[in-house]
N, C-alpha and C. Protein backbone atom coordinates (compact mmCIF):
# COMPACT_ATOMS: atom_id res chain seq x y z
N MET A 1 102.35 98.52 20.41
CA MET A 1 101.86 97.23 19.99
C MET A 1 100.41 97.09 20.39
N LYS A 2 99.61 96.53 19.49
CA LYS A 2 98.20 96.38 19.80
C LYS A 2 97.98 95.24 20.78
N THR A 3 96.85 95.25 21.42
CA THR A 3 96.51 94.21 22.38
C THR A 3 96.13 92.94 21.65
N ALA A 4 96.63 91.82 22.13
CA ALA A 4 96.34 90.54 21.50
C ALA A 4 94.87 90.19 21.66
N GLN A 5 94.30 89.70 20.59
CA GLN A 5 92.92 89.22 20.62
C GLN A 5 92.94 87.71 20.76
N THR A 6 91.97 87.17 21.46
CA THR A 6 91.87 85.73 21.59
C THR A 6 91.25 85.17 20.32
N ASP A 7 91.87 84.15 19.75
CA ASP A 7 91.29 83.54 18.55
C ASP A 7 90.08 82.70 18.94
N PRO A 8 89.31 82.20 17.97
CA PRO A 8 88.10 81.45 18.29
C PRO A 8 88.33 80.22 19.16
N ASP A 9 89.53 79.66 19.12
CA ASP A 9 89.85 78.50 19.95
C ASP A 9 90.38 78.90 21.32
N GLY A 10 90.46 80.20 21.59
CA GLY A 10 90.92 80.68 22.88
C GLY A 10 92.43 80.60 23.05
N ASN A 11 93.16 80.55 21.97
CA ASN A 11 94.60 80.39 22.04
C ASN A 11 95.31 81.74 21.98
N GLU A 12 95.19 82.49 23.02
CA GLU A 12 95.76 83.83 23.07
C GLU A 12 97.27 83.84 22.90
N LEU A 13 97.94 82.84 23.42
CA LEU A 13 99.40 82.79 23.31
C LEU A 13 99.85 82.73 21.86
N MET A 14 99.21 81.89 21.06
CA MET A 14 99.58 81.78 19.64
C MET A 14 99.32 83.10 18.91
N VAL A 15 98.25 83.78 19.27
CA VAL A 15 97.94 85.08 18.66
C VAL A 15 99.02 86.08 19.03
N ARG A 16 99.42 86.11 20.28
CA ARG A 16 100.45 87.07 20.72
C ARG A 16 101.79 86.79 20.07
N ILE A 17 102.15 85.52 19.95
CA ILE A 17 103.41 85.17 19.29
C ILE A 17 103.35 85.59 17.83
N GLY A 18 102.23 85.31 17.18
CA GLY A 18 102.06 85.69 15.78
C GLY A 18 102.16 87.19 15.57
N GLU A 19 101.57 87.96 16.48
CA GLU A 19 101.65 89.43 16.38
C GLU A 19 103.10 89.89 16.50
N LYS A 20 103.84 89.27 17.39
CA LYS A 20 105.24 89.66 17.57
C LYS A 20 106.06 89.30 16.33
N ILE A 21 105.80 88.13 15.76
CA ILE A 21 106.50 87.74 14.53
C ILE A 21 106.22 88.75 13.43
N ARG A 22 104.96 89.11 13.25
CA ARG A 22 104.59 90.08 12.21
C ARG A 22 105.28 91.42 12.47
N GLU A 23 105.26 91.87 13.71
CA GLU A 23 105.89 93.15 14.07
C GLU A 23 107.38 93.13 13.71
N LEU A 24 108.07 92.07 14.08
CA LEU A 24 109.50 91.98 13.79
C LEU A 24 109.76 91.88 12.29
N ARG A 25 108.93 91.10 11.59
CA ARG A 25 109.10 90.97 10.15
C ARG A 25 108.95 92.31 9.46
N LYS A 26 107.96 93.07 9.86
CA LYS A 26 107.73 94.38 9.25
C LYS A 26 108.83 95.37 9.61
N GLN A 27 109.31 95.34 10.85
CA GLN A 27 110.40 96.23 11.27
C GLN A 27 111.64 95.99 10.42
N LYS A 28 111.87 94.73 10.08
CA LYS A 28 113.06 94.37 9.30
C LYS A 28 112.80 94.41 7.79
N ASN A 29 111.57 94.83 7.43
CA ASN A 29 111.19 94.96 6.02
C ASN A 29 111.39 93.64 5.26
N ILE A 30 110.94 92.55 5.87
CA ILE A 30 111.03 91.22 5.27
C ILE A 30 109.63 90.83 4.79
N SER A 31 109.51 90.38 3.56
CA SER A 31 108.22 89.97 3.02
C SER A 31 107.85 88.58 3.54
N TYR A 32 106.54 88.26 3.41
CA TYR A 32 106.11 86.89 3.72
C TYR A 32 106.93 85.89 2.90
N GLU A 33 107.07 86.18 1.62
CA GLU A 33 107.74 85.27 0.71
C GLU A 33 109.20 85.02 1.14
N LYS A 34 109.90 86.10 1.47
CA LYS A 34 111.30 85.96 1.86
C LYS A 34 111.44 85.17 3.16
N LEU A 35 110.60 85.47 4.14
CA LEU A 35 110.66 84.74 5.41
C LEU A 35 110.30 83.28 5.18
N ALA A 36 109.26 83.04 4.42
CA ALA A 36 108.83 81.66 4.15
C ALA A 36 109.94 80.86 3.48
N LYS A 37 110.58 81.45 2.49
CA LYS A 37 111.68 80.76 1.80
C LYS A 37 112.83 80.48 2.75
N GLU A 38 113.15 81.46 3.59
CA GLU A 38 114.26 81.32 4.55
C GLU A 38 114.05 80.15 5.51
N ILE A 39 112.81 79.91 5.90
CA ILE A 39 112.55 78.87 6.91
C ILE A 39 111.89 77.61 6.33
N GLY A 40 111.70 77.58 5.00
CA GLY A 40 111.20 76.37 4.36
C GLY A 40 109.70 76.15 4.50
N LEU A 41 108.94 77.23 4.58
CA LEU A 41 107.48 77.14 4.63
C LEU A 41 106.89 77.91 3.47
N ASP A 42 105.60 77.71 3.20
CA ASP A 42 104.98 78.53 2.17
C ASP A 42 104.42 79.82 2.79
N ARG A 43 104.15 80.78 1.92
CA ARG A 43 103.69 82.11 2.34
C ARG A 43 102.41 82.03 3.17
N ASN A 44 101.48 81.19 2.76
CA ASN A 44 100.22 81.07 3.47
C ASN A 44 100.40 80.55 4.90
N THR A 45 101.34 79.65 5.09
CA THR A 45 101.61 79.13 6.42
C THR A 45 102.18 80.22 7.31
N VAL A 46 103.07 81.04 6.78
CA VAL A 46 103.61 82.16 7.55
C VAL A 46 102.48 83.10 7.96
N ASN A 47 101.57 83.36 7.04
CA ASN A 47 100.42 84.20 7.34
C ASN A 47 99.58 83.60 8.48
N LEU A 48 99.31 82.31 8.41
CA LEU A 48 98.53 81.66 9.47
C LEU A 48 99.24 81.73 10.82
N ILE A 49 100.55 81.60 10.80
CA ILE A 49 101.31 81.71 12.05
C ILE A 49 101.18 83.11 12.61
N GLU A 50 101.33 84.11 11.77
CA GLU A 50 101.22 85.50 12.23
C GLU A 50 99.83 85.82 12.76
N LEU A 51 98.82 85.17 12.23
CA LEU A 51 97.45 85.38 12.70
C LEU A 51 97.11 84.53 13.92
N GLY A 52 98.03 83.65 14.32
CA GLY A 52 97.78 82.78 15.47
C GLY A 52 96.77 81.70 15.18
N LYS A 53 96.62 81.34 13.92
CA LYS A 53 95.60 80.37 13.53
C LYS A 53 96.16 78.98 13.29
N THR A 54 97.40 78.78 13.62
CA THR A 54 97.98 77.44 13.50
C THR A 54 98.90 77.23 14.71
N ASN A 55 98.96 76.03 15.16
CA ASN A 55 99.74 75.69 16.35
C ASN A 55 100.91 74.81 15.93
N PHE A 56 102.01 75.45 15.60
CA PHE A 56 103.20 74.72 15.17
C PHE A 56 104.02 74.24 16.35
N GLN A 57 104.88 73.29 16.07
CA GLN A 57 105.83 72.85 17.08
C GLN A 57 106.75 74.01 17.42
N PHE A 58 107.22 74.02 18.63
CA PHE A 58 108.09 75.10 19.09
C PHE A 58 109.30 75.27 18.18
N GLN A 59 109.80 74.19 17.62
CA GLN A 59 110.97 74.26 16.73
C GLN A 59 110.73 75.20 15.57
N ARG A 60 109.52 75.26 15.05
CA ARG A 60 109.20 76.17 13.94
C ARG A 60 109.38 77.62 14.36
N TYR A 61 109.00 77.94 15.58
CA TYR A 61 109.16 79.31 16.06
C TYR A 61 110.63 79.68 16.18
N ILE A 62 111.45 78.71 16.54
CA ILE A 62 112.90 78.94 16.60
C ILE A 62 113.43 79.19 15.18
N GLU A 63 112.93 78.44 14.20
CA GLU A 63 113.34 78.64 12.82
C GLU A 63 112.92 80.01 12.31
N ILE A 64 111.71 80.43 12.68
CA ILE A 64 111.24 81.77 12.29
C ILE A 64 112.14 82.82 12.88
N GLN A 65 112.49 82.67 14.14
CA GLN A 65 113.37 83.64 14.78
C GLN A 65 114.69 83.72 14.03
N GLY A 66 115.22 82.58 13.62
CA GLY A 66 116.46 82.57 12.84
C GLY A 66 116.30 83.28 11.51
N GLY A 67 115.13 83.15 10.90
CA GLY A 67 114.86 83.81 9.63
C GLY A 67 114.72 85.31 9.77
N LEU A 68 114.39 85.77 10.96
CA LEU A 68 114.26 87.20 11.21
C LEU A 68 115.56 87.86 11.63
N ASN A 69 116.57 87.08 11.86
CA ASN A 69 117.87 87.63 12.27
C ASN A 69 118.79 87.85 11.10
């Protein structure tokens, strides 16, 4: 796994979580579209989450985890 980079707002945690989500999504061969549909978000929002560029409520991360299972 690559080292997390700090985003411009200094939110390293969101970047690290996003990297882990992307890693798991790719391991399970799930597309942005499929994950987004599973959790009720659009593809662009999933992309922003994976890049650590959006700060969602913790509940969204739980929903993403459910979509990856």
